[in-house]
């Protein structure tokens, strides 16, 4: 994983030189591991990013997420996790993830 200095904190982890095998998404009550081999696309801006995998859609909301989009393009992101509640309200303009939603594609289509 990538060692990050205090001034370069970001709420995701990347691999240093190679593509990660999968993306771990850590939610308060559940975790997902989605293989990068099933990654289809990502789109968004500094406030919201949508990722499409063959089996799941992922929505990431926060602030200053532009760098996350660049890391996703290289498929080096190994882990996404909510920013701690206290950190969300801290001053600063660094990246923050305030919401992560994961929707299974079959469930979305079947209305489950």
Protein backbone atom coordinates (compact mmCIF):
# COMPACT_ATOMS: atom_id res chain seq x y z
CA UNK A 1 0.00 0.00 0.00
CA UNK A 2 0.98 3.58 -0.42
CA UNK A 3 2.60 5.36 2.52
CA UNK A 4 1.01 8.79 2.88
CA UNK A 5 2.43 11.81 4.65
CA UNK A 6 0.29 13.87 7.03
CA UNK A 7 -0.13 16.64 4.47
CA UNK A 8 -1.21 14.22 1.77
CA UNK A 9 -3.98 12.31 3.57
CA UNK A 10 -6.68 10.83 1.39
CA UNK A 11 -9.47 8.43 2.32
CA UNK A 12 -8.37 5.75 -0.13
CA UNK A 13 -5.34 3.53 -0.43
CA UNK A 14 -3.40 2.90 -3.62
CA UNK A 15 -0.69 0.50 -4.65
CA UNK A 16 2.67 2.06 -5.43
CA UNK A 17 3.68 0.82 -8.88
CA UNK A 18 1.25 -1.81 -10.05
CA UNK A 19 -2.43 -2.30 -10.63
CA UNK A 20 -4.38 -3.59 -7.62
CA UNK A 21 -6.11 -6.97 -8.03
CA UNK A 22 -9.34 -5.67 -6.55
CA UNK A 23 -11.08 -2.77 -4.86
CA UNK A 24 -12.10 -3.19 -1.22
CA UNK A 25 -15.01 -0.97 -0.20
CA UNK A 26 -15.45 -0.65 3.55
CA UNK A 27 -18.88 0.45 4.80
CA UNK A 28 -19.93 0.70 8.45
CA UNK A 29 -21.73 -2.67 8.46
CA UNK A 30 -20.49 -4.44 5.33
CA UNK A 31 -17.45 -4.69 3.10
CA UNK A 32 -17.17 -5.52 -0.59
CA UNK A 33 -14.25 -6.67 -2.70
CA UNK A 34 -14.74 -6.04 -6.40
CA UNK A 35 -12.11 -7.35 -8.84
CA UNK A 36 -10.63 -4.78 -11.19
CA UNK A 37 -11.09 -7.34 -13.99
CA UNK A 38 -14.85 -6.54 -13.75
CA UNK A 39 -14.36 -2.75 -13.86
CA UNK A 40 -16.18 -1.07 -16.75
CA UNK A 41 -15.94 2.70 -16.25
CA UNK A 42 -15.82 5.67 -13.88
CA UNK A 43 -17.13 9.19 -14.29
CA UNK A 44 -17.61 12.22 -12.11
CA UNK A 45 -16.07 15.33 -10.65
CA UNK A 46 -14.73 16.62 -7.36
CA UNK A 47 -18.01 16.00 -5.51
CA UNK A 48 -19.32 12.72 -6.92
CA UNK A 49 -17.88 9.73 -8.76
CA UNK A 50 -19.75 6.77 -10.20
CA UNK A 51 -17.99 3.46 -10.82
CA UNK A 52 -19.47 0.67 -12.91
CA UNK A 53 -18.47 -2.95 -12.46
CA UNK A 54 -20.16 -5.89 -14.18
CA UNK A 55 -21.89 -6.91 -10.93
CA UNK A 56 -22.16 -3.68 -8.92
CA UNK A 57 -22.46 0.08 -9.25
CA UNK A 58 -20.60 2.24 -6.74
CA UNK A 59 -21.36 5.88 -5.88
CA UNK A 60 -18.74 7.92 -4.04
CA UNK A 61 -19.72 11.35 -2.69
CA UNK A 62 -17.40 13.77 -0.94
CA UNK A 63 -15.11 16.67 -1.69
CA UNK A 64 -11.90 17.08 -3.69
CA UNK A 65 -12.34 13.68 -5.34
CA UNK A 66 -10.54 14.69 -8.55
CA UNK A 67 -7.40 12.79 -7.48
CA UNK A 68 -9.50 9.71 -6.76
CA UNK A 69 -10.75 9.72 -10.35
CA UNK A 70 -7.13 9.82 -11.58
CA UNK A 71 -6.18 6.92 -9.29
CA UNK A 72 -9.22 4.94 -10.48
CA UNK A 73 -8.18 5.43 -14.10
CA UNK A 74 -4.91 3.64 -13.36
CA UNK A 75 -6.76 0.93 -11.34
CA UNK A 76 -4.31 1.39 -8.46
CA UNK A 77 -6.97 2.04 -5.81
CA UNK A 78 -7.00 -0.89 -3.38
CA UNK A 79 -9.43 0.45 -0.74
CA UNK A 80 -12.19 3.03 -0.32
CA UNK A 81 -13.56 3.94 3.09
CA UNK A 82 -15.78 6.60 4.61
CA UNK A 83 -13.98 9.52 6.19
CA UNK A 84 -14.52 9.48 9.97
CA UNK A 85 -17.42 11.73 11.00
CA UNK A 86 -15.19 14.13 12.94
CA UNK A 87 -12.80 14.41 9.98
CA UNK A 88 -15.65 15.31 7.61
CA UNK A 89 -16.24 18.55 9.49
CA UNK A 90 -12.60 19.42 10.00
CA UNK A 91 -11.37 22.46 8.19
CA UNK A 92 -9.25 22.02 5.13
CA UNK A 93 -9.74 21.36 1.48
CA UNK A 94 -8.27 17.88 1.35
CA UNK A 95 -10.17 14.95 -0.13
CA UNK A 96 -13.00 13.44 1.88
CA UNK A 97 -15.48 10.63 1.28
CA UNK A 98 -18.76 11.28 3.06
CA UNK A 99 -20.93 8.66 1.35
CA UNK A 100 -20.29 5.31 -0.31
CA UNK A 101 -23.18 3.40 -1.89
CA UNK A 102 -22.85 -0.05 -3.44
CA UNK A 103 -25.75 -1.46 -5.47
CA UNK A 104 -25.77 -4.99 -6.86
CA UNK A 105 -26.77 -4.82 -10.53
CA UNK A 106 -29.22 -7.76 -10.39
CA UNK A 107 -30.98 -6.26 -7.36
CA UNK A 108 -31.35 -2.88 -9.08
CA UNK A 109 -32.88 -4.43 -12.21
CA UNK A 110 -35.24 -6.80 -10.36
CA UNK A 111 -36.41 -4.08 -7.95
CA UNK A 112 -35.16 -6.02 -4.90
